[in-house]
């Protein structure tokens, strides 16, 4: 397939920005962490507890991959930019 846009045409940047609401991620992470603790305390099945624990780890890994150390730190402690400190 040929590109018929020409050599001087404006092309979009190859970088894609994904809007991330850190407060929504924080709420979801702590909700899953609370459910995991509840399962461990009240004796839920091992599979359910493990699944919730792996979900918490997955959220942390996703935040670390997308935003690095700064965003991971902001997940727990807030940042001046989002006003949660």
N, C-alpha and C. Protein backbone atom coordinates (compact mmCIF):
# COMPACT_ATOMS: atom_id res chain seq x y z
N UNK A 1 0.84 -1.16 0.00
CA UNK A 1 0.00 0.00 0.00
C UNK A 1 0.90 1.23 0.00
N UNK A 2 0.61 2.17 -0.85
CA UNK A 2 1.42 3.38 -0.96
C UNK A 2 0.87 4.50 -0.10
N UNK A 3 1.79 5.35 0.31
CA UNK A 3 1.43 6.52 1.09
C UNK A 3 1.30 7.70 0.14
N UNK A 4 0.09 8.21 -0.04
CA UNK A 4 -0.16 9.29 -0.98
C UNK A 4 -0.25 10.66 -0.31
N UNK A 5 0.28 10.79 0.90
CA UNK A 5 0.17 12.06 1.60
C UNK A 5 1.21 13.07 1.16
N UNK A 6 2.24 12.65 0.49
CA UNK A 6 3.28 13.57 0.06
C UNK A 6 4.36 13.71 1.12
N UNK A 7 5.46 14.31 0.72
CA UNK A 7 6.59 14.39 1.63
C UNK A 7 6.44 15.52 2.64
N UNK A 8 5.69 16.57 2.29
CA UNK A 8 5.57 17.71 3.19
C UNK A 8 4.35 17.68 4.07
N UNK A 9 3.59 16.60 4.06
CA UNK A 9 2.36 16.54 4.85
C UNK A 9 2.68 16.41 6.34
N UNK A 10 1.83 17.02 7.15
CA UNK A 10 1.99 16.90 8.60
C UNK A 10 1.57 15.51 9.03
N UNK A 11 2.42 14.90 9.78
CA UNK A 11 2.12 13.56 10.29
C UNK A 11 2.02 13.62 11.79
N UNK A 12 1.15 12.81 12.36
CA UNK A 12 1.03 12.82 13.82
C UNK A 12 2.28 12.26 14.47
N UNK A 13 2.50 12.68 15.68
CA UNK A 13 3.66 12.21 16.44
C UNK A 13 3.53 10.71 16.70
N UNK A 14 4.64 9.97 16.64
CA UNK A 14 4.55 8.54 16.91
C UNK A 14 4.25 8.23 18.38
N UNK A 15 4.45 9.24 19.26
CA UNK A 15 4.15 9.02 20.67
C UNK A 15 2.66 9.18 20.90
N UNK A 16 2.09 8.27 21.65
CA UNK A 16 0.67 8.32 21.97
C UNK A 16 0.56 8.65 23.46
N UNK A 17 -0.17 9.70 23.77
CA UNK A 17 -0.37 10.05 25.16
C UNK A 17 -1.65 9.41 25.67
N UNK A 18 -1.53 8.73 26.79
CA UNK A 18 -2.68 8.08 27.40
C UNK A 18 -3.05 8.88 28.64
N UNK A 19 -4.25 9.41 28.69
CA UNK A 19 -4.63 10.17 29.88
C UNK A 19 -4.77 9.23 31.08
N UNK A 20 -4.06 9.55 32.14
CA UNK A 20 -4.08 8.71 33.32
C UNK A 20 -4.59 9.54 34.49
N UNK A 21 -5.63 9.09 35.11
CA UNK A 21 -6.14 9.73 36.31
C UNK A 21 -5.57 8.97 37.49
N UNK A 22 -4.56 9.55 38.11
CA UNK A 22 -3.88 8.87 39.20
C UNK A 22 -4.81 8.64 40.38
N UNK A 23 -5.74 9.55 40.60
CA UNK A 23 -6.66 9.37 41.73
C UNK A 23 -7.57 8.16 41.52
N UNK A 24 -7.99 7.93 40.28
CA UNK A 24 -8.83 6.75 40.01
C UNK A 24 -8.03 5.46 40.17
N UNK A 25 -6.78 5.48 39.74
CA UNK A 25 -5.92 4.31 39.91
C UNK A 25 -5.68 4.06 41.38
N UNK A 26 -5.44 5.13 42.15
CA UNK A 26 -5.21 5.01 43.59
C UNK A 26 -6.44 4.38 44.27
N UNK A 27 -7.63 4.84 43.92
CA UNK A 27 -8.86 4.30 44.52
C UNK A 27 -8.99 2.81 44.20
N UNK A 28 -8.76 2.45 42.95
CA UNK A 28 -8.88 1.05 42.55
C UNK A 28 -7.83 0.18 43.24
N UNK A 29 -6.60 0.69 43.33
CA UNK A 29 -5.54 -0.08 43.98
C UNK A 29 -5.88 -0.34 45.44
N UNK A 30 -6.27 0.72 46.17
CA UNK A 30 -6.57 0.53 47.58
C UNK A 30 -7.84 -0.28 47.81
N UNK A 31 -8.77 -0.24 46.87
CA UNK A 31 -9.95 -1.10 46.98
C UNK A 31 -9.55 -2.57 46.84
N UNK A 32 -8.70 -2.87 45.86
CA UNK A 32 -8.24 -4.26 45.71
C UNK A 32 -7.38 -4.68 46.89
N UNK A 33 -6.57 -3.78 47.42
CA UNK A 33 -5.75 -4.10 48.59
C UNK A 33 -6.63 -4.39 49.81
N UNK A 34 -7.70 -3.60 49.98
CA UNK A 34 -8.62 -3.83 51.08
C UNK A 34 -9.36 -5.15 50.94
N UNK A 35 -9.78 -5.46 49.72
CA UNK A 35 -10.44 -6.75 49.49
C UNK A 35 -9.48 -7.91 49.75
N UNK A 36 -8.23 -7.75 49.36
CA UNK A 36 -7.24 -8.80 49.61
C UNK A 36 -7.05 -9.02 51.10
N UNK A 37 -6.92 -7.91 51.85
CA UNK A 37 -6.76 -8.03 53.30
C UNK A 37 -8.01 -8.65 53.92
N UNK A 38 -9.18 -8.27 53.44
CA UNK A 38 -10.42 -8.85 53.95
C UNK A 38 -10.51 -10.34 53.69
N UNK A 39 -10.08 -10.74 52.52
CA UNK A 39 -10.08 -12.18 52.20
C UNK A 39 -9.13 -12.94 53.11
N UNK A 40 -7.97 -12.36 53.37
CA UNK A 40 -7.00 -13.03 54.22
C UNK A 40 -7.49 -13.11 55.67
N UNK A 41 -8.15 -12.05 56.14
CA UNK A 41 -8.61 -12.03 57.53
C UNK A 41 -9.81 -12.96 57.74
N UNK A 42 -10.76 -12.92 56.82
CA UNK A 42 -12.00 -13.66 57.02
C UNK A 42 -11.99 -15.05 56.41
N UNK A 43 -10.85 -15.49 55.90
CA UNK A 43 -10.71 -16.88 55.48
C UNK A 43 -11.37 -17.24 54.16
N UNK A 44 -11.26 -16.38 53.19
CA UNK A 44 -11.78 -16.70 51.86
C UNK A 44 -10.88 -17.76 51.22
N UNK A 45 -11.31 -18.26 50.09
CA UNK A 45 -10.52 -19.29 49.43
C UNK A 45 -9.16 -18.74 49.02
N UNK A 46 -8.22 -19.63 48.92
CA UNK A 46 -6.86 -19.23 48.55
C UNK A 46 -6.78 -18.66 47.15
N UNK A 47 -7.59 -19.20 46.24
CA UNK A 47 -7.56 -18.72 44.86
C UNK A 47 -8.05 -17.29 44.76
N UNK A 48 -9.08 -16.97 45.51
CA UNK A 48 -9.62 -15.61 45.49
C UNK A 48 -8.60 -14.62 46.06
N UNK A 49 -7.99 -15.00 47.17
CA UNK A 49 -6.99 -14.14 47.79
C UNK A 49 -5.79 -13.96 46.86
N UNK A 50 -5.35 -15.02 46.24
CA UNK A 50 -4.22 -14.94 45.32
C UNK A 50 -4.55 -14.09 44.10
N UNK A 51 -5.76 -14.23 43.59
CA UNK A 51 -6.17 -13.44 42.43
C UNK A 51 -6.19 -11.96 42.76
N UNK A 52 -6.73 -11.60 43.91
CA UNK A 52 -6.76 -10.20 44.31
C UNK A 52 -5.35 -9.67 44.57
N UNK A 53 -4.50 -10.49 45.15
CA UNK A 53 -3.12 -10.07 45.39
C UNK A 53 -2.38 -9.84 44.08
N UNK A 54 -2.57 -10.73 43.12
CA UNK A 54 -1.93 -10.56 41.82
C UNK A 54 -2.47 -9.35 41.07
N UNK A 55 -3.74 -9.03 41.29
CA UNK A 55 -4.30 -7.82 40.69
C UNK A 55 -3.63 -6.58 41.26
N UNK A 56 -3.40 -6.57 42.57
CA UNK A 56 -2.68 -5.44 43.19
C UNK A 56 -1.27 -5.31 42.62
N UNK A 57 -0.59 -6.41 42.48
CA UNK A 57 0.76 -6.39 41.92
C UNK A 57 0.73 -5.93 40.46
N UNK A 58 -0.29 -6.36 39.72
CA UNK A 58 -0.42 -5.94 38.33
C UNK A 58 -0.65 -4.45 38.20
N UNK A 59 -1.45 -3.87 39.09
CA UNK A 59 -1.67 -2.43 39.07
C UNK A 59 -0.36 -1.70 39.34
N UNK A 60 0.38 -2.17 40.33
CA UNK A 60 1.68 -1.54 40.63
C UNK A 60 2.64 -1.63 39.47
N UNK A 61 2.70 -2.79 38.83
CA UNK A 61 3.58 -2.95 37.68
C UNK A 61 3.18 -2.05 36.51
N UNK A 62 1.89 -1.94 36.27
CA UNK A 62 1.42 -1.09 35.17
C UNK A 62 1.77 0.37 35.43
N UNK A 63 1.58 0.82 36.65
CA UNK A 63 1.92 2.21 36.99
C UNK A 63 3.43 2.42 36.87
N UNK A 64 4.21 1.45 37.33
CA UNK A 64 5.66 1.58 37.24
C UNK A 64 6.15 1.59 35.79
N UNK A 65 5.55 0.79 34.95
CA UNK A 65 5.96 0.75 33.54
C UNK A 65 5.59 2.04 32.84
N UNK A 66 4.40 2.55 33.11
CA UNK A 66 3.95 3.76 32.43
C UNK A 66 4.66 5.01 32.94
N UNK A 67 4.79 5.14 34.27
CA UNK A 67 5.27 6.39 34.82
C UNK A 67 6.58 6.34 35.57
N UNK A 68 7.12 5.18 35.75
CA UNK A 68 8.39 5.07 36.45
C UNK A 68 8.25 5.29 37.95
N UNK A 69 9.37 5.61 38.56
CA UNK A 69 9.43 5.74 40.01
C UNK A 69 8.58 6.90 40.52
N UNK A 70 8.56 8.01 39.77
CA UNK A 70 7.82 9.19 40.22
C UNK A 70 6.33 8.91 40.33
N UNK A 71 5.76 8.27 39.32
CA UNK A 71 4.32 7.99 39.34
C UNK A 71 3.98 6.93 40.39
N UNK A 72 4.87 5.97 40.58
CA UNK A 72 4.64 4.95 41.60
C UNK A 72 4.67 5.59 42.99
N UNK A 73 5.59 6.50 43.20
CA UNK A 73 5.66 7.22 44.47
C UNK A 73 4.41 8.07 44.67
N UNK A 74 3.96 8.71 43.61
CA UNK A 74 2.76 9.55 43.68
C UNK A 74 1.51 8.71 43.93
N UNK A 75 1.52 7.44 43.54
CA UNK A 75 0.38 6.57 43.79
C UNK A 75 0.15 6.39 45.28
N UNK A 76 1.22 6.26 46.04
CA UNK A 76 1.09 6.04 47.48
C UNK A 76 1.02 7.33 48.28
N UNK A 77 1.82 8.31 47.91
CA UNK A 77 1.97 9.49 48.74
C UNK A 77 1.35 10.75 48.16
N UNK A 78 0.82 10.67 46.96
CA UNK A 78 0.25 11.85 46.32
C UNK A 78 1.35 12.74 45.75
N UNK A 79 0.95 13.70 44.96
CA UNK A 79 1.91 14.62 44.39
C UNK A 79 1.31 16.01 44.41
N UNK A 80 2.13 17.03 44.45
CA UNK A 80 1.61 18.39 44.45
C UNK A 80 0.81 18.72 43.21
N UNK A 81 1.07 18.04 42.10
CA UNK A 81 0.38 18.34 40.85
C UNK A 81 -1.10 17.94 40.89
N UNK A 82 -1.42 16.83 41.58
CA UNK A 82 -2.83 16.41 41.61
C UNK A 82 -3.56 16.88 42.86
N UNK A 83 -2.86 17.62 43.73
CA UNK A 83 -3.51 18.22 44.88
C UNK A 83 -3.91 17.24 45.97
N UNK A 84 -3.34 16.07 45.99
CA UNK A 84 -3.74 15.07 46.99
C UNK A 84 -2.78 15.01 48.16
N UNK A 85 -1.88 15.89 48.26
CA UNK A 85 -0.92 15.85 49.35
C UNK A 85 -1.34 16.65 50.52
